[in-house]
Structures are given as C-alpha cells and as structure tokens.
C-alpha cells in the first residue's frame, strides 16, 4: 500500500514557466526515509529548481515493497509513483528510462563492511582476494551489488535491508557491504538496538557503480527535465557544492579513510555501455 507524504516542495523558475509544462514528480525508493535518503532527495529538489518549468515533488511511501517489486511496478507503468532512485544494471537500463548522471559520483561502488566486535578480527587478517572469498558478506535482496559481488566469486548472503543489520549483529554474516557514504550513520542510528555493530576500517571493495534516477519506460519527459536540472547544477557548481557539503558525503572522507584501506577492485558485468562511457568529471577520483 503506497502513501504519499503530504509535503510538496514547489520549485519555480518563472523565466521558463511559459514554455514548459508543470509536472508532478512522485518519487520513491525501497525503505524510503527522509533522513537516510536526504542526499538523493535534496539532489532531486536541486535538479527541479534548476530545470525549466514549475514542478512539484511528492515523496511516496513504498510500504513494505522491496526494490525488485518497485522497479517492476515502474516498468509496468505504476500509477503510484513516477521516479525511483536505484543502483544501475543492464536490466534496469533496458526496462526503464535512466537519467545518466551518477548521483554519488561513483562512491556507491566503493563498498566497506559493517561488522561486529567478534567478526572484526577475521576481516583485519584478510590480505589476499582468496582470503576475502572466505568472508561471509551480506548484501540486499534484489540489489545489483549482490550480483556484482557474487559474480566476482565472493561468499554472499542476500536478505532484506533491515534484516541484514540483525544478521551482522548476530554474526550470521561477517560483513554487511555498504557504500562508503552509508554505514556510519546507519550504525549510529542502531546503536541501541544493535550495540555490537562496528564499521570495519581495514577493507574496501571497489567496482564501477552508482545510484541513478529512473523514470518509467515511456516517460522521457520527466527524465529530460531531471537531466537538464542536474547538468545545470554541474555547470553552476551547485551539484558539487551539494556533494561536498552533505554530511553523508563528508563522512566518507572524514570517517571512511578510503586511502588507508586494503582495496580490492572487481569488475561490474552489469554496467551498461552508456554508463561505462560517461565523462570522467561525473565520477569521483577520475
């Protein structure tokens, strides 16, 4: 059961309103949370504020629907929502309309592990990829990341997003693979319910990957509006200002200490050619 949040952020660019229709952008994601997903939601607000026209943004509560179901509904022409943000895969690229701007500049393809006190020593003794393959890694059901990790020969257990914190806390997986912008806030938020969770400081798995906005397969209009807004945000510096100032991103550089980790690069067989060929300036570190 979907529920629309009754707060509509309205963005007006009067100079262009006469030539562009005003559209409602109803956005959702698996486990949609205004705090957890503030970076992506604020980026959508920024895009709409930069694009031509007067548009509204509505957050749609996905209820218990997982990512796989939400994507299938959007591909089938959902009447409940118009936009979803999700990791990219060839299947999603072919069945939906992608806005070809990586939202976290590729940071989502830098994966570090949430672990617990008992499992940390096993992670800290990893020296080779063969060592890494012995670690039980948790990743979300239906996530492209899960297939990418499995295709590299890693030992992956798939489960629902929230369940994986419990599995990690209880040691059923030794590491829960998360994008570098994600785990610190997630562990802090669960400090009372899962007090044994820790963020490992030794390892990082890297592959070309990120989150993108998607619209329905026939909804090129909304995709073009979002793309126009994001491109203008890059041109005037506001995209990078958002990236550099957002707490979730700042924590990557302040807490994750990317350069001090043992790095394992693996391929991404799910990446569409168009995304592989995006300009380097859209990806961090290139």
Protein backbone atom coordinates (compact mmCIF):
# COMPACT_ATOMS: atom_id res chain seq x y z
CA UNK A 1 0.00 0.00 0.00
CA UNK A 2 1.50 3.29 -1.09
CA UNK A 3 1.04 6.53 0.80
CA UNK A 4 2.04 9.95 -0.50
CA UNK A 5 3.67 12.26 2.00
CA UNK A 6 1.58 15.43 2.08
CA UNK A 7 4.51 17.79 1.80
CA UNK A 8 5.02 19.02 -1.72
CA UNK A 9 8.12 21.06 -2.36
CA UNK A 10 7.33 23.51 -5.15
CA UNK A 11 10.12 24.90 -7.26
CA UNK A 12 9.52 27.85 -9.61
CA UNK A 13 11.69 29.12 -12.39
CA UNK A 14 9.43 31.87 -13.69
CA UNK A 15 11.56 32.73 -16.70
CA UNK A 16 10.89 29.33 -18.26
CA UNK A 17 7.42 28.52 -16.95
CA UNK A 18 5.61 29.63 -20.07
CA UNK A 19 7.38 27.11 -22.34
CA UNK A 20 7.50 24.04 -20.09
CA UNK A 21 4.62 22.16 -18.52
CA UNK A 22 4.34 21.84 -14.77
CA UNK A 23 4.70 18.20 -13.77
CA UNK A 24 4.40 16.34 -10.50
CA UNK A 25 7.38 14.14 -9.68
CA UNK A 26 6.31 11.37 -7.32
CA UNK A 27 9.47 9.74 -6.02
CA UNK A 28 10.04 6.57 -4.02
CA UNK A 29 12.72 4.03 -3.14
CA UNK A 30 12.97 0.85 -1.13
CA UNK A 31 12.91 1.76 2.57
CA UNK A 32 12.42 5.43 1.72
CA UNK A 33 13.47 7.57 4.66
CA UNK A 34 13.87 11.36 4.59
CA UNK A 35 16.96 11.19 6.80
CA UNK A 36 18.68 8.17 5.27
CA UNK A 37 17.94 9.39 1.72
CA UNK A 38 18.32 13.12 2.33
CA UNK A 39 21.23 13.36 -0.12
CA UNK A 40 19.24 11.93 -3.05
CA UNK A 41 16.02 13.76 -2.21
CA UNK A 42 17.79 17.11 -1.87
CA UNK A 43 19.55 16.43 -5.17
CA UNK A 44 16.16 15.90 -6.83
CA UNK A 45 14.97 19.17 -5.31
CA UNK A 46 18.08 20.86 -6.69
CA UNK A 47 17.51 19.40 -10.17
CA UNK A 48 13.90 20.59 -10.27
CA UNK A 49 14.91 24.04 -9.08
CA UNK A 50 17.43 24.32 -11.94
CA UNK A 51 15.24 22.89 -14.71
CA UNK A 52 12.79 24.88 -16.82
CA UNK A 53 9.21 24.98 -15.56
CA UNK A 54 7.25 24.80 -12.32
CA UNK A 55 7.26 21.28 -10.91
CA UNK A 56 6.21 19.64 -7.66
CA UNK A 57 7.97 16.86 -5.77
CA UNK A 58 5.99 14.34 -3.73
CA UNK A 59 7.52 11.59 -1.59
CA UNK A 60 5.69 8.27 -1.91
CA UNK A 61 5.94 5.81 0.97
CA UNK A 62 6.67 2.37 -0.57
CA UNK A 63 5.27 0.48 2.42
CA UNK A 64 6.81 -2.99 2.57
CA UNK A 65 7.62 -3.17 -1.15
CA UNK A 66 11.22 -4.16 -1.82
CA UNK A 67 13.38 -2.73 -4.57
CA UNK A 68 12.67 -5.53 -7.05
CA UNK A 69 8.92 -5.03 -6.77
CA UNK A 70 9.14 -1.23 -7.03
CA UNK A 71 11.25 -1.42 -10.17
CA UNK A 72 8.85 -3.92 -11.74
CA UNK A 73 5.92 -1.64 -10.94
CA UNK A 74 7.62 1.38 -12.51
CA UNK A 75 8.48 -0.66 -15.61
CA UNK A 76 4.82 -1.73 -15.87
CA UNK A 77 3.58 1.87 -15.68
CA UNK A 78 2.91 2.46 -11.99
CA UNK A 79 0.08 4.83 -11.19
CA UNK A 80 1.52 5.47 -7.72
CA UNK A 81 4.94 6.96 -8.49
CA UNK A 82 6.98 8.34 -11.41
CA UNK A 83 10.61 8.30 -10.27
CA UNK A 84 12.80 5.91 -8.33
CA UNK A 85 16.47 6.13 -7.41
CA UNK A 86 18.37 2.88 -7.52
CA UNK A 87 21.63 1.26 -8.46
CA UNK A 88 22.12 0.74 -12.19
CA UNK A 89 22.08 -2.59 -14.02
CA UNK A 90 21.66 -3.61 -17.66
CA UNK A 91 18.15 -4.88 -16.94
CA UNK A 92 17.09 -1.60 -15.33
CA UNK A 93 18.75 0.38 -18.09
CA UNK A 94 16.78 -1.55 -20.71
CA UNK A 95 13.40 -1.63 -18.95
CA UNK A 96 13.32 1.94 -17.58
CA UNK A 97 14.47 5.41 -18.61
CA UNK A 98 17.72 6.35 -16.90
CA UNK A 99 18.92 9.85 -16.08
CA UNK A 100 22.63 9.35 -16.90
CA UNK A 101 24.20 11.27 -14.02
CA UNK A 102 25.71 9.19 -11.16
CA UNK A 103 24.20 10.70 -8.02
CA UNK A 104 27.07 9.92 -5.62
CA UNK A 105 29.80 10.32 -8.25
CA UNK A 106 30.59 6.60 -8.08
CA UNK A 107 31.07 6.42 -4.33
CA UNK A 108 28.39 3.75 -4.08
CA UNK A 109 30.77 1.42 -5.91
CA UNK A 110 33.25 1.81 -3.04
CA UNK A 111 31.96 -0.76 -0.55
CA UNK A 112 33.08 -1.13 3.04
CA UNK A 113 31.77 -3.53 5.64
CA UNK A 114 29.61 -3.18 8.72
CA UNK A 115 30.68 -5.92 11.12
CA UNK A 116 30.55 -6.70 14.83
CA UNK A 117 33.14 -6.99 17.57
CA UNK A 118 33.55 -10.75 17.18
CA UNK A 119 33.88 -10.68 13.38
CA UNK A 120 36.29 -7.75 13.08
CA UNK A 121 39.46 -9.82 13.71
CA UNK A 122 38.65 -12.06 10.72
CA UNK A 123 38.32 -9.02 8.48
CA UNK A 124 41.54 -7.49 9.74
CA UNK A 125 43.53 -10.61 8.81
CA UNK A 126 42.45 -10.51 5.16
CA UNK A 127 45.47 -9.96 2.89
CA UNK A 128 44.52 -11.51 -0.46
CA UNK A 129 41.40 -11.88 -2.58
CA UNK A 130 41.35 -15.57 -1.68
CA UNK A 131 41.17 -14.52 1.98
CA UNK A 132 38.29 -12.19 1.15
CA UNK A 133 36.36 -15.01 -0.54
CA UNK A 134 36.22 -16.82 2.82
CA UNK A 135 34.32 -13.94 4.45
CA UNK A 136 30.51 -14.20 4.57
CA UNK A 137 29.28 -10.91 3.12
CA UNK A 138 25.70 -9.66 3.42
CA UNK A 139 24.01 -7.68 0.64
CA UNK A 140 20.42 -6.74 -0.15
CA UNK A 141 17.94 -8.93 -1.96
CA UNK A 142 17.44 -7.62 -5.49
CA UNK A 143 20.36 -5.19 -5.31
CA UNK A 144 22.72 -5.07 -8.33
CA UNK A 145 25.56 -5.01 -5.80
CA UNK A 146 24.65 -8.52 -4.72
CA UNK A 147 25.01 -9.90 -8.24
CA UNK A 148 28.26 -7.98 -8.77
CA UNK A 149 29.78 -9.40 -5.59
CA UNK A 150 28.60 -12.92 -6.43
CA UNK A 151 29.97 -12.70 -9.98
CA UNK A 152 33.41 -11.98 -8.51
CA UNK A 153 33.27 -15.25 -6.57
CA UNK A 154 32.60 -13.77 -3.15
CA UNK A 155 30.56 -15.58 -0.49
CA UNK A 156 27.35 -13.52 -0.42
CA UNK A 157 24.20 -13.92 1.70
CA UNK A 158 21.22 -11.92 0.39
CA UNK A 159 18.47 -10.62 2.68
CA UNK A 160 16.24 -7.60 3.25
CA UNK A 161 17.95 -4.30 4.11
CA UNK A 162 16.94 -4.11 7.77
CA UNK A 163 17.32 -7.84 8.42
CA UNK A 164 20.98 -7.67 7.43
CA UNK A 165 21.78 -5.48 10.43
CA UNK A 166 20.43 -8.20 12.72
CA UNK A 167 22.28 -10.91 10.78
CA UNK A 168 25.51 -8.94 11.12
CA UNK A 169 24.94 -8.20 14.79
CA UNK A 170 24.43 -11.92 15.47
CA UNK A 171 27.39 -12.99 13.33
CA UNK A 172 25.44 -14.82 10.64
CA UNK A 173 27.34 -12.66 8.17
CA UNK A 174 30.78 -11.27 8.99
CA UNK A 175 30.41 -8.11 6.95
CA UNK A 176 27.46 -6.17 5.52
CA UNK A 177 28.62 -4.46 2.31
CA UNK A 178 27.57 -0.80 2.23
CA UNK A 179 28.51 2.21 0.12
CA UNK A 180 31.14 4.33 1.84
CA UNK A 181 28.60 7.14 2.39
CA UNK A 182 26.18 4.90 4.25
CA UNK A 183 27.40 2.79 7.20
CA UNK A 184 28.44 5.33 9.81
CA UNK A 185 25.01 6.94 10.10
CA UNK A 186 23.36 3.51 9.87
CA UNK A 187 25.40 2.10 12.76
CA UNK A 188 24.86 5.23 14.87
CA UNK A 189 21.10 5.08 14.27
CA UNK A 190 21.06 1.47 15.54
CA UNK A 191 23.42 1.93 18.48
CA UNK A 192 20.72 0.92 20.96
CA UNK A 193 19.02 -1.87 19.02
CA UNK A 194 22.29 -3.36 17.71
CA UNK A 195 25.05 -2.15 20.07
CA UNK A 196 27.68 -4.59 18.77
CA UNK A 197 27.75 -3.23 15.22
CA UNK A 198 31.01 -1.64 14.08
CA UNK A 199 32.34 -0.26 10.80
CA UNK A 200 35.42 -2.18 9.67
CA UNK A 201 38.41 0.08 9.00
CA UNK A 202 40.62 -2.28 7.02
CA UNK A 203 38.95 -3.35 3.74
CA UNK A 204 37.27 -1.81 0.69
CA UNK A 205 35.77 -3.49 -2.38
CA UNK A 206 35.59 -1.22 -5.45
CA UNK A 207 33.70 -1.55 -8.73
CA UNK A 208 32.20 0.98 -11.18
CA UNK A 209 28.68 1.56 -9.86
CA UNK A 210 26.34 4.21 -8.51
CA UNK A 211 22.75 5.27 -7.88
CA UNK A 212 20.78 6.94 -10.68
CA UNK A 213 17.31 8.40 -11.08
CA UNK A 214 14.97 6.32 -13.25
CA UNK A 215 11.58 7.12 -14.75
CA UNK A 216 9.14 4.81 -16.50
CA UNK A 217 9.98 3.32 -19.91
CA UNK A 218 7.73 5.81 -21.73
CA UNK A 219 8.47 8.82 -19.52
CA UNK A 220 11.29 10.53 -21.37
CA UNK A 221 9.84 13.94 -20.48
CA UNK A 222 10.48 13.65 -16.75
CA UNK A 223 13.90 12.10 -17.35
CA UNK A 224 14.86 15.01 -19.60
CA UNK A 225 13.72 17.56 -17.01
CA UNK A 226 15.80 15.90 -14.29
CA UNK A 227 18.80 15.63 -16.61
CA UNK A 228 18.53 19.30 -17.58
CA UNK A 229 18.47 20.30 -13.93
CA UNK A 230 21.43 18.12 -12.94
CA UNK A 231 23.52 19.32 -15.89
CA UNK A 232 22.81 22.94 -14.97
CA UNK A 233 23.72 22.16 -11.36
CA UNK A 234 27.08 20.88 -12.57
CA UNK A 235 27.58 23.95 -14.75
CA UNK A 236 26.92 26.46 -11.97
CA UNK A 237 28.73 24.49 -9.26
CA UNK A 238 25.69 23.71 -7.11
CA UNK A 239 25.93 19.95 -7.70
CA UNK A 240 29.48 19.84 -6.35
CA UNK A 241 28.54 22.21 -3.52
CA UNK A 242 25.81 19.76 -2.51
CA UNK A 243 28.18 16.79 -2.87
CA UNK A 244 30.97 18.39 -0.86
CA UNK A 245 28.78 19.80 1.92
CA UNK A 246 26.31 16.99 2.59
CA UNK A 247 27.03 15.18 5.89
CA UNK A 248 26.65 11.72 4.31
CA UNK A 249 29.35 12.54 1.78
CA UNK A 250 31.63 14.37 4.21
CA UNK A 251 31.62 11.29 6.42
CA UNK A 252 33.13 9.29 3.55
CA UNK A 253 36.27 11.36 3.62
CA UNK A 254 36.35 12.07 7.35
CA UNK A 255 35.42 8.61 8.62
CA UNK A 256 35.92 6.02 5.88
CA UNK A 257 39.58 6.91 5.27
CA UNK A 258 39.43 5.48 1.76
CA UNK A 259 43.15 5.82 1.07
CA UNK A 260 44.13 3.84 4.18
CA UNK A 261 42.22 0.66 3.32
CA UNK A 262 43.26 -2.53 1.57
CA UNK A 263 41.48 -2.16 -1.77
CA UNK A 264 40.10 -4.98 -3.91
CA UNK A 265 38.94 -3.96 -7.41
CA UNK A 266 36.39 -6.21 -9.08
CA UNK A 267 34.59 -5.86 -12.45
CA UNK A 268 30.98 -4.83 -12.87
CA UNK A 269 29.38 -7.06 -15.52
CA UNK A 270 26.04 -5.26 -15.08
CA UNK A 271 27.15 -1.80 -16.20
CA UNK A 272 25.56 -0.62 -19.49
CA UNK A 273 27.97 0.71 -22.11
CA UNK A 274 26.49 4.23 -21.99
CA UNK A 275 27.19 4.43 -18.25
CA UNK A 276 30.70 2.98 -18.66
CA UNK A 277 31.42 5.76 -21.16
CA UNK A 278 30.15 8.70 -19.10
CA UNK A 279 32.63 11.61 -18.84
CA UNK A 280 35.27 11.32 -16.14
CA UNK A 281 34.19 14.57 -14.47
CA UNK A 282 30.99 12.82 -13.29
CA UNK A 283 32.98 10.28 -11.26
CA UNK A 284 34.97 10.99 -8.12
CA UNK A 285 38.68 10.39 -8.41
CA UNK A 286 38.89 10.10 -12.20
